[in-house]
């Protein structure tokens, strides 16, 4: 009886530890290259301003990303789409 309680406790602890690791992992799945490609296809030069705006999209600042891309010459709808791509897993 004691062994089964101990095993259940270990499994619960392991599950919680792995879940916390997954939640606190950095946004390594962000797709900045897709964001910059979409901005370039919409007419913007692939420069530091575009890359910086896409980085803001990765960090969750969608409005800042869209504003940065719009300022770099990307149309509003394309800027919104590019910023949404920034936060998604590469394909």
PDB file of N, CA and C in Angstrom:
ATOM      1  N   UNK A   1       0.826  -1.184   0.000  1.00  0.00           N
ATOM      2  CA  UNK A   1       0.000   0.000   0.000  1.00  0.00           C
ATOM      3  C   UNK A   1       0.872   1.249   0.000  1.00  0.00           C
ATOM      4  N   UNK A   2       1.918   1.258   0.787  1.00  0.00           N
ATOM      5  CA  UNK A   2       2.813   2.402   0.871  1.00  0.00           C
ATOM      6  C   UNK A   2       3.516   2.640  -0.467  1.00  0.00           C
ATOM      7  N   UNK A   3       3.885   1.582  -1.160  1.00  0.00           N
ATOM      8  CA  UNK A   3       4.587   1.697  -2.433  1.00  0.00           C
ATOM      9  C   UNK A   3       3.700   2.342  -3.488  1.00  0.00           C
ATOM     10  N   UNK A   4       2.456   1.960  -3.547  1.00  0.00           N
ATOM     11  CA  UNK A   4       1.576   2.554  -4.558  1.00  0.00           C
ATOM     12  C   UNK A   4       1.346   4.043  -4.305  1.00  0.00           C
ATOM     13  N   UNK A   5       1.274   4.448  -3.054  1.00  0.00           N
ATOM     14  CA  UNK A   5       1.135   5.860  -2.715  1.00  0.00           C
ATOM     15  C   UNK A   5       2.386   6.622  -3.107  1.00  0.00           C
ATOM     16  N   UNK A   6       3.518   6.024  -2.875  1.00  0.00           N
ATOM     17  CA  UNK A   6       4.792   6.650  -3.219  1.00  0.00           C
ATOM     18  C   UNK A   6       4.927   6.795  -4.738  1.00  0.00           C
ATOM     19  N   UNK A   7       4.570   5.763  -5.478  1.00  0.00           N
ATOM     20  CA  UNK A   7       4.639   5.813  -6.940  1.00  0.00           C
ATOM     21  C   UNK A   7       3.686   6.880  -7.472  1.00  0.00           C
ATOM     22  N   UNK A   8       2.506   6.952  -6.914  1.00  0.00           N
ATOM     23  CA  UNK A   8       1.549   7.968  -7.349  1.00  0.00           C
ATOM     24  C   UNK A   8       2.088   9.370  -7.076  1.00  0.00           C
ATOM     25  N   UNK A   9       2.736   9.556  -5.948  1.00  0.00           N
ATOM     26  CA  UNK A   9       3.321  10.854  -5.616  1.00  0.00           C
ATOM     27  C   UNK A   9       4.451  11.231  -6.556  1.00  0.00           C
ATOM     28  N   UNK A  10       5.286  10.270  -6.881  1.00  0.00           N
ATOM     29  CA  UNK A  10       6.392  10.518  -7.804  1.00  0.00           C
ATOM     30  C   UNK A  10       5.858  10.863  -9.188  1.00  0.00           C
ATOM     31  N   UNK A  11       4.871  10.127  -9.649  1.00  0.00           N
ATOM     32  CA  UNK A  11       4.296  10.406 -10.966  1.00  0.00           C
ATOM     33  C   UNK A  11       3.620  11.769 -11.008  1.00  0.00           C
ATOM     34  N   UNK A  12       2.951  12.142  -9.940  1.00  0.00           N
ATOM     35  CA  UNK A  12       2.312  13.452  -9.877  1.00  0.00           C
ATOM     36  C   UNK A  12       3.367  14.557  -9.904  1.00  0.00           C
ATOM     37  N   UNK A  13       4.423  14.390  -9.125  1.00  0.00           N
ATOM     38  CA  UNK A  13       5.505  15.371  -9.115  1.00  0.00           C
ATOM     39  C   UNK A  13       6.172  15.498 -10.466  1.00  0.00           C
ATOM     40  N   UNK A  14       6.397  14.380 -11.126  1.00  0.00           N
ATOM     41  CA  UNK A  14       7.005  14.386 -12.449  1.00  0.00           C
ATOM     42  C   UNK A  14       6.110  15.092 -13.460  1.00  0.00           C
ATOM     43  N   UNK A  15       4.828  14.824 -13.400  1.00  0.00           N
ATOM     44  CA  UNK A  15       3.872  15.468 -14.300  1.00  0.00           C
ATOM     45  C   UNK A  15       3.864  16.976 -14.085  1.00  0.00           C
ATOM     46  N   UNK A  16       3.847  17.412 -12.855  1.00  0.00           N
ATOM     47  CA  UNK A  16       3.850  18.842 -12.556  1.00  0.00           C
ATOM     48  C   UNK A  16       5.150  19.506 -13.003  1.00  0.00           C
ATOM     49  N   UNK A  17       6.269  18.832 -12.795  1.00  0.00           N
ATOM     50  CA  UNK A  17       7.555  19.396 -13.203  1.00  0.00           C
ATOM     51  C   UNK A  17       7.642  19.540 -14.713  1.00  0.00           C
ATOM     52  N   UNK A  18       7.209  18.528 -15.437  1.00  0.00           N
ATOM     53  CA  UNK A  18       7.253  18.594 -16.893  1.00  0.00           C
ATOM     54  C   UNK A  18       6.273  19.628 -17.432  1.00  0.00           C
ATOM     55  N   UNK A  19       5.137  19.741 -16.814  1.00  0.00           N
ATOM     56  CA  UNK A  19       4.157  20.732 -17.238  1.00  0.00           C
ATOM     57  C   UNK A  19       4.660  22.145 -17.011  1.00  0.00           C
ATOM     58  N   UNK A  20       5.313  22.384 -15.886  1.00  0.00           N
ATOM     59  CA  UNK A  20       5.869  23.701 -15.597  1.00  0.00           C
ATOM     60  C   UNK A  20       6.983  24.043 -16.577  1.00  0.00           C
ATOM     61  N   UNK A  21       7.783  23.065 -16.946  1.00  0.00           N
ATOM     62  CA  UNK A  21       8.852  23.295 -17.918  1.00  0.00           C
ATOM     63  C   UNK A  21       8.267  23.687 -19.263  1.00  0.00           C
ATOM     64  N   UNK A  22       7.208  23.040 -19.658  1.00  0.00           N
ATOM     65  CA  UNK A  22       6.584  23.362 -20.944  1.00  0.00           C
ATOM     66  C   UNK A  22       5.978  24.759 -20.924  1.00  0.00           C
ATOM     67  N   UNK A  23       5.438  25.184 -19.805  1.00  0.00           N
ATOM     68  CA  UNK A  23       4.820  26.505 -19.719  1.00  0.00           C
ATOM     69  C   UNK A  23       5.836  27.631 -19.655  1.00  0.00           C
ATOM     70  N   UNK A  24       7.005  27.367 -19.073  1.00  0.00           N
ATOM     71  CA  UNK A  24       8.002  28.418 -18.916  1.00  0.00           C
ATOM     72  C   UNK A  24       9.065  28.390 -19.993  1.00  0.00           C
ATOM     73  N   UNK A  25       8.946  27.514 -20.957  1.00  0.00           N
ATOM     74  CA  UNK A  25       9.933  27.435 -22.031  1.00  0.00           C
ATOM     75  C   UNK A  25       9.888  28.713 -22.867  1.00  0.00           C
ATOM     76  N   UNK A  26      11.034  29.144 -23.367  1.00  0.00           N
ATOM     77  CA  UNK A  26      11.044  30.359 -24.187  1.00  0.00           C
ATOM     78  C   UNK A  26      10.310  30.144 -25.500  1.00  0.00           C
ATOM     79  N   UNK A  27       9.983  31.211 -26.154  1.00  0.00           N
ATOM     80  CA  UNK A  27       9.236  31.132 -27.406  1.00  0.00           C
ATOM     81  C   UNK A  27      10.159  30.759 -28.555  1.00  0.00           C
ATOM     82  N   UNK A  28      10.773  29.610 -28.453  1.00  0.00           N
ATOM     83  CA  UNK A  28      11.694  29.176 -29.488  1.00  0.00           C
ATOM     84  C   UNK A  28      10.944  28.713 -30.732  1.00  0.00           C
ATOM     85  N   UNK A  29       9.636  28.581 -30.619  1.00  0.00           N
ATOM     86  CA  UNK A  29       8.841  28.125 -31.748  1.00  0.00           C
ATOM     87  C   UNK A  29       8.375  29.284 -32.625  1.00  0.00           C
ATOM     88  N   UNK A  30       8.763  30.495 -32.265  1.00  0.00           N
ATOM     89  CA  UNK A  30       8.316  31.657 -33.029  1.00  0.00           C
ATOM     90  C   UNK A  30       8.887  31.634 -34.437  1.00  0.00           C
ATOM     91  N   UNK A  31       8.157  32.215 -35.351  1.00  0.00           N
ATOM     92  CA  UNK A  31       8.556  32.167 -36.752  1.00  0.00           C
ATOM     93  C   UNK A  31       8.820  33.579 -37.280  1.00  0.00           C
ATOM     94  N   UNK A  32       9.929  34.146 -36.863  1.00  0.00           N
ATOM     95  CA  UNK A  32      10.323  35.472 -37.314  1.00  0.00           C
ATOM     96  C   UNK A  32      10.618  35.478 -38.813  1.00  0.00           C
ATOM     97  N   UNK A  33      11.312  34.458 -39.358  1.00  0.00           N
ATOM     98  CA  UNK A  33      11.550  34.469 -40.803  1.00  0.00           C
ATOM     99  C   UNK A  33      10.256  34.521 -41.633  1.00  0.00           C
ATOM    100  N   UNK A  34       9.217  33.831 -41.201  1.00  0.00           N
ATOM    101  CA  UNK A  34       7.943  33.878 -41.933  1.00  0.00           C
ATOM    102  C   UNK A  34       7.345  35.274 -41.867  1.00  0.00           C
ATOM    103  N   UNK A  35       7.473  35.926 -40.728  1.00  0.00           N
ATOM    104  CA  UNK A  35       6.966  37.288 -40.559  1.00  0.00           C
ATOM    105  C   UNK A  35       7.704  38.238 -41.499  1.00  0.00           C
ATOM    106  N   UNK A  36       9.025  38.156 -41.520  1.00  0.00           N
ATOM    107  CA  UNK A  36       9.794  39.055 -42.376  1.00  0.00           C
ATOM    108  C   UNK A  36       9.558  38.762 -43.855  1.00  0.00           C
ATOM    109  N   UNK A  37       9.383  37.483 -44.206  1.00  0.00           N
ATOM    110  CA  UNK A  37       9.085  37.140 -45.601  1.00  0.00           C
ATOM    111  C   UNK A  37       7.744  37.725 -46.033  1.00  0.00           C
ATOM    112  N   UNK A  38       6.748  37.608 -45.168  1.00  0.00           N
ATOM    113  CA  UNK A  38       5.429  38.137 -45.515  1.00  0.00           C
ATOM    114  C   UNK A  38       5.487  39.655 -45.641  1.00  0.00           C
ATOM    115  N   UNK A  39       6.246  40.309 -44.774  1.00  0.00           N
ATOM    116  CA  UNK A  39       6.397  41.762 -44.857  1.00  0.00           C
ATOM    117  C   UNK A  39       7.093  42.148 -46.160  1.00  0.00           C
ATOM    118  N   UNK A  40       8.090  41.376 -46.550  1.00  0.00           N
ATOM    119  CA  UNK A  40       8.802  41.653 -47.804  1.00  0.00           C
ATOM    120  C   UNK A  40       7.887  41.441 -49.013  1.00  0.00           C
ATOM    121  N   UNK A  41       7.062  40.420 -48.959  1.00  0.00           N
ATOM    122  CA  UNK A  41       6.126  40.164 -50.052  1.00  0.00           C
ATOM    123  C   UNK A  41       5.093  41.282 -50.166  1.00  0.00           C
ATOM    124  N   UNK A  42       4.833  41.965 -49.051  1.00  0.00           N
ATOM    125  CA  UNK A  42       3.871  43.055 -49.046  1.00  0.00           C
ATOM    126  C   UNK A  42       4.514  44.384 -49.442  1.00  0.00           C
ATOM    127  N   UNK A  43       5.809  44.364 -49.737  1.00  0.00           N
ATOM    128  CA  UNK A  43       6.456  45.558 -50.249  1.00  0.00           C
ATOM    129  C   UNK A  43       7.467  46.218 -49.348  1.00  0.00           C
ATOM    130  N   UNK A  44       7.683  45.709 -48.143  1.00  0.00           N
ATOM    131  CA  UNK A  44       8.657  46.323 -47.243  1.00  0.00           C
ATOM    132  C   UNK A  44      10.044  45.762 -47.501  1.00  0.00           C
ATOM    133  N   UNK A  45      11.053  46.590 -47.287  1.00  0.00           N
ATOM    134  CA  UNK A  45      12.425  46.109 -47.361  1.00  0.00           C
ATOM    135  C   UNK A  45      12.702  45.282 -46.111  1.00  0.00           C
ATOM    136  N   UNK A  46      13.408  44.180 -46.289  1.00  0.00           N
ATOM    137  CA  UNK A  46      13.769  43.350 -45.133  1.00  0.00           C
ATOM    138  C   UNK A  46      14.921  44.040 -44.413  1.00  0.00           C
ATOM    139  N   UNK A  47      14.588  44.905 -43.462  1.00  0.00           N
ATOM    140  CA  UNK A  47      15.609  45.649 -42.734  1.00  0.00           C
ATOM    141  C   UNK A  47      15.439  45.464 -41.237  1.00  0.00           C
ATOM    142  N   UNK A  48      16.227  46.208 -40.473  1.00  0.00           N
ATOM    143  CA  UNK A  48      16.189  46.068 -39.017  1.00  0.00           C
ATOM    144  C   UNK A  48      14.840  46.461 -38.421  1.00  0.00           C
ATOM    145  N   UNK A  49      14.160  47.436 -39.014  1.00  0.00           N
ATOM    146  CA  UNK A  49      12.852  47.864 -38.489  1.00  0.00           C
ATOM    147  C   UNK A  49      11.823  46.748 -38.627  1.00  0.00           C
ATOM    148  N   UNK A  50      11.863  46.040 -39.751  1.00  0.00           N
ATOM    149  CA  UNK A  50      10.931  44.925 -39.970  1.00  0.00           C
ATOM    150  C   UNK A  50      11.239  43.795 -38.995  1.00  0.00           C
ATOM    151  N   UNK A  51      12.513  43.473 -38.840  1.00  0.00           N
ATOM    152  CA  UNK A  51      12.904  42.404 -37.915  1.00  0.00           C
ATOM    153  C   UNK A  51      12.521  42.759 -36.481  1.00  0.00           C
ATOM    154  N   UNK A  52      12.752  44.012 -36.095  1.00  0.00           N
ATOM    155  CA  UNK A  52      12.391  44.445 -34.734  1.00  0.00           C
ATOM    156  C   UNK A  52      10.885  44.357 -34.521  1.00  0.00           C
ATOM    157  N   UNK A  53      10.110  44.741 -35.534  1.00  0.00           N
ATOM    158  CA  UNK A  53       8.650  44.654 -35.409  1.00  0.00           C
ATOM    159  C   UNK A  53       8.220  43.202 -35.261  1.00  0.00           C
ATOM    160  N   UNK A  54       8.819  42.305 -36.039  1.00  0.00           N
ATOM    161  CA  UNK A  54       8.477  40.886 -35.932  1.00  0.00           C
ATOM    162  C   UNK A  54       8.851  40.323 -34.561  1.00  0.00           C
ATOM    163  N   UNK A  55       9.940  40.803 -33.983  1.00  0.00           N
ATOM    164  CA  UNK A  55      10.316  40.376 -32.630  1.00  0.00           C
ATOM    165  C   UNK A  55       9.253  40.810 -31.616  1.00  0.00           C
ATOM    166  N   UNK A  56       8.671  41.977 -31.820  1.00  0.00           N
ATOM    167  CA  UNK A  56       7.593  42.414 -30.918  1.00  0.00           C
ATOM    168  C   UNK A  56       6.396  41.479 -31.036  1.00  0.00           C
ATOM    169  N   UNK A  57       6.130  40.992 -32.240  1.00  0.00           N
ATOM    170  CA  UNK A  57       5.046  40.023 -32.420  1.00  0.00           C
ATOM    171  C   UNK A  57       5.309  38.739 -31.673  1.00  0.00           C
ATOM    172  N   UNK A  58       6.561  38.316 -31.649  1.00  0.00           N
ATOM    173  CA  UNK A  58       6.939  37.099 -30.924  1.00  0.00           C
ATOM    174  C   UNK A  58       6.675  37.264 -29.438  1.00  0.00           C
ATOM    175  N   UNK A  59       6.961  38.449 -28.910  1.00  0.00           N
ATOM    176  CA  UNK A  59       6.792  38.667 -27.472  1.00  0.00           C
ATOM    177  C   UNK A  59       5.346  38.923 -27.074  1.00  0.00           C
ATOM    178  N   UNK A  60       4.436  38.912 -28.063  1.00  0.00           N
ATOM    179  CA  UNK A  60       3.022  39.068 -27.746  1.00  0.00           C
ATOM    180  C   UNK A  60       2.503  40.478 -27.927  1.00  0.00           C
ATOM    181  N   UNK A  61       3.353  41.405 -28.353  1.00  0.00           N
ATOM    182  CA  UNK A  61       2.936  42.789 -28.572  1.00  0.00           C
ATOM    183  C   UNK A  61       2.448  42.927 -30.010  1.00  0.00           C
ATOM    184  N   UNK A  62       1.249  42.422 -30.273  1.00  0.00           N
ATOM    185  CA  UNK A  62       0.702  42.425 -31.629  1.00  0.00           C
ATOM    186  C   UNK A  62       0.526  43.848 -32.154  1.00  0.00           C
ATOM    187  N   UNK A  63       0.023  44.745 -31.323  1.00  0.00           N
ATOM    188  CA  UNK A  63      -0.192  46.127 -31.752  1.00  0.00           C
ATOM    189  C   UNK A  63       1.130  46.802 -32.082  1.00  0.00           C
ATOM    190  N   UNK A  64       2.161  46.593 -31.262  1.00  0.00           N
ATOM    191  CA  UNK A  64       3.473  47.172 -31.534  1.00  0.00           C
ATOM    192  C   UNK A  64       4.080  46.611 -32.805  1.00  0.00           C
ATOM    193  N   UNK A  65       3.876  45.330 -33.040  1.00  0.00           N
ATOM    194  CA  UNK A  65       4.366  44.688 -34.252  1.00  0.00           C
ATOM    195  C   UNK A  65       3.680  45.276 -35.477  1.00  0.00           C
ATOM    196  N   UNK A  66       2.375  45.376 -35.438  1.00  0.00           N
ATOM    197  CA  UNK A  66       1.616  45.916 -36.568  1.00  0.00           C
ATOM    198  C   UNK A  66       2.015  47.367 -36.819  1.00  0.00           C
ATOM    199  N   UNK A  67       2.159  48.155 -35.772  1.00  0.00           N
ATOM    200  CA  UNK A  67       2.561  49.554 -35.922  1.00  0.00           C
ATOM    201  C   UNK A  67       3.945  49.656 -36.553  1.00  0.00           C
ATOM    202  N   UNK A  68       4.865  48.802 -36.109  1.00  0.00           N
ATOM    203  CA  UNK A  68       6.216  48.811 -36.662  1.00  0.00           C
ATOM    204  C   UNK A  68       6.236  48.432 -38.131  1.00  0.00           C
ATOM    205  N   UNK A  69       5.469  47.398 -38.480  1.00  0.00           N
ATOM    206  CA  UNK A  69       5.436  46.978 -39.882  1.00  0.00           C
ATOM    207  C   UNK A  69       4.720  48.004 -40.757  1.00  0.00           C
ATOM    208  N   UNK A  70       3.667  48.599 -40.240  1.00  0.00           N
ATOM    209  CA  UNK A  70       2.952  49.628 -40.997  1.00  0.00           C
ATOM    210  C   UNK A  70       3.878  50.820 -41.251  1.00  0.00           C
ATOM    211  N   UNK A  71       4.657  51.176 -40.237  1.00  0.00           N
ATOM    212  CA  UNK A  71       5.618  52.258 -40.396  1.00  0.00           C
ATOM    213  C   UNK A  71       6.712  51.932 -41.402  1.00  0.00           C
ATOM    214  N   UNK A  72       6.974  50.644 -41.597  1.00  0.00           N
ATOM    215  CA  UNK A  72       7.991  50.211 -42.563  1.00  0.00           C
ATOM    216  C   UNK A  72       7.412  50.048 -43.965  1.00  0.00           C
ATOM    217  N   UNK A  73       6.119  50.347 -44.129  1.00  0.00           N
ATOM    218  CA  UNK A  73       5.525  50.313 -45.453  1.00  0.00           C
ATOM    219  C   UNK A  73       4.673  49.096 -45.774  1.00  0.00           C
ATOM    220  N   UNK A  74       4.351  48.300 -44.776  1.00  0.00           N
ATOM    221  CA  UNK A  74       3.506  47.121 -44.989  1.00  0.00           C
ATOM    222  C   UNK A  74       2.050  47.531 -44.775  1.00  0.00           C
ATOM    223  N   UNK A  75       1.176  47.138 -45.695  1.00  0.00           N
ATOM    224  CA  UNK A  75      -0.252  47.445 -45.562  1.00  0.00           C
ATOM    225  C   UNK A  75      -0.816  46.814 -44.293  1.00  0.00           C
ATOM    226  N   UNK A  76      -1.867  47.407 -43.743  1.00  0.00           N
ATOM    227  CA  UNK A  76      -2.431  46.974 -42.469  1.00  0.00           C
ATOM    228  C   UNK A  76      -2.775  45.504 -42.376  1.00  0.00           C
ATOM    229  N   UNK A  77      -3.483  44.970 -43.380  1.00  0.00           N
ATOM    230  CA  UNK A  77      -3.866  43.556 -43.335  1.00  0.00           C
ATOM    231  C   UNK A  77      -2.667  42.626 -43.409  1.00  0.00           C
ATOM    232  N   UNK A  78      -1.711  42.967 -44.254  1.00  0.00           N
ATOM    233  CA  UNK A  78      -0.505  42.148 -44.371  1.00  0.00           C
ATOM    234  C   UNK A  78       0.334  42.247 -43.101  1.00  0.00           C
ATOM    235  N   UNK A  79       0.385  43.425 -42.499  1.00  0.00           N
ATOM    236  CA  UNK A  79       1.133  43.596 -41.253  1.00  0.00           C
ATOM    237  C   UNK A  79       0.520  42.745 -40.146  1.00  0.00           C
ATOM    238  N   UNK A  80      -0.797  42.748 -40.067  1.00  0.00           N
ATOM    239  CA  UNK A  80      -1.492  41.937 -39.062  1.00  0.00           C
ATOM    240  C   UNK A  80      -1.204  40.457 -39.273  1.00  0.00           C
ATOM    241  N   UNK A  81      -1.268  39.995 -40.508  1.00  0.00           N
ATOM    242  CA  UNK A  81      -0.998  38.599 -40.803  1.00  0.00           C
ATOM    243  C   UNK A  81       0.439  38.219 -40.509  1.00  0.00           C
ATOM    244  N   UNK A  82       1.372  39.102 -40.847  1.00  0.00           N
ATOM    245  CA  UNK A  82       2.787  38.822 -40.590  1.00  0.00           C
ATOM    246  C   UNK A  82       3.063  38.734 -39.097  1.00  0.00           C
ATOM    247  N   UNK A  83       2.441  39.614 -38.332  1.00  0.00           N
ATOM    248  CA  UNK A  83       2.646  39.595 -36.883  1.00  0.00           C
ATOM    249  C   UNK A  83       2.045  38.340 -36.254  1.00  0.00           C
ATOM    250  N   UNK A  84       0.952  37.883 -36.787  1.00  0.00           N
ATOM    251  CA  UNK A  84       0.359  36.640 -36.284  1.00  0.00           C
ATOM    252  C   UNK A  84       1.252  35.451 -36.627  1.00  0.00           C
ATOM    253  N   UNK A  85       1.904  35.504 -37.779  1.00  0.00           N
ATOM    254  CA  UNK A  85       2.848  34.445 -38.144  1.00  0.00           C
ATOM    255  C   UNK A  85       4.042  34.418 -37.200  1.00  0.00           C
ATOM    256  N   UNK A  86       4.444  35.584 -36.725  1.00  0.00           N
ATOM    257  CA  UNK A  86       5.624  35.664 -35.873  1.00  0.00           C
ATOM    258  C   UNK A  86       5.477  34.814 -34.614  1.00  0.00           C
ATOM    259  N   UNK A  87       4.269  34.701 -34.125  1.00  0.00           N
ATOM    260  CA  UNK A  87       4.062  33.995 -32.861  1.00  0.00           C
ATOM    261  C   UNK A  87       3.729  32.518 -33.036  1.00  0.00           C
ATOM    262  N   UNK A  88       3.719  32.027 -34.266  1.00  0.00           N
ATOM    263  CA  UNK A  88       3.361  30.634 -34.493  1.00  0.00           C
ATOM    264  C   UNK A  88       4.577  29.767 -34.803  1.00  0.00           C
ATOM    265  N   UNK A  89       4.392  28.507 -34.629  1.00  0.00           N
ATOM    266  CA  UNK A  89       5.438  27.525 -34.877  1.00  0.00           C
ATOM    267  C   UNK A  89       5.792  27.493 -36.364  1.00  0.00           C
ATOM    268  N   UNK A  90       7.091  27.451 -36.683  1.00  0.00           N
ATOM    269  CA  UNK A  90       7.485  27.366 -38.099  1.00  0.00           C
ATOM    270  C   UNK A  90       6.913  26.128 -38.762  1.00  0.00           C
ATOM    271  N   UNK A  91       6.634  26.234 -40.030  1.00  0.00           N
ATOM    272  CA  UNK A  91       6.091  25.102 -40.775  1.00  0.00           C
ATOM    273  C   UNK A  91       7.066  24.625 -41.798  1.00  0.00           C
TER     274      UNK A  91
END
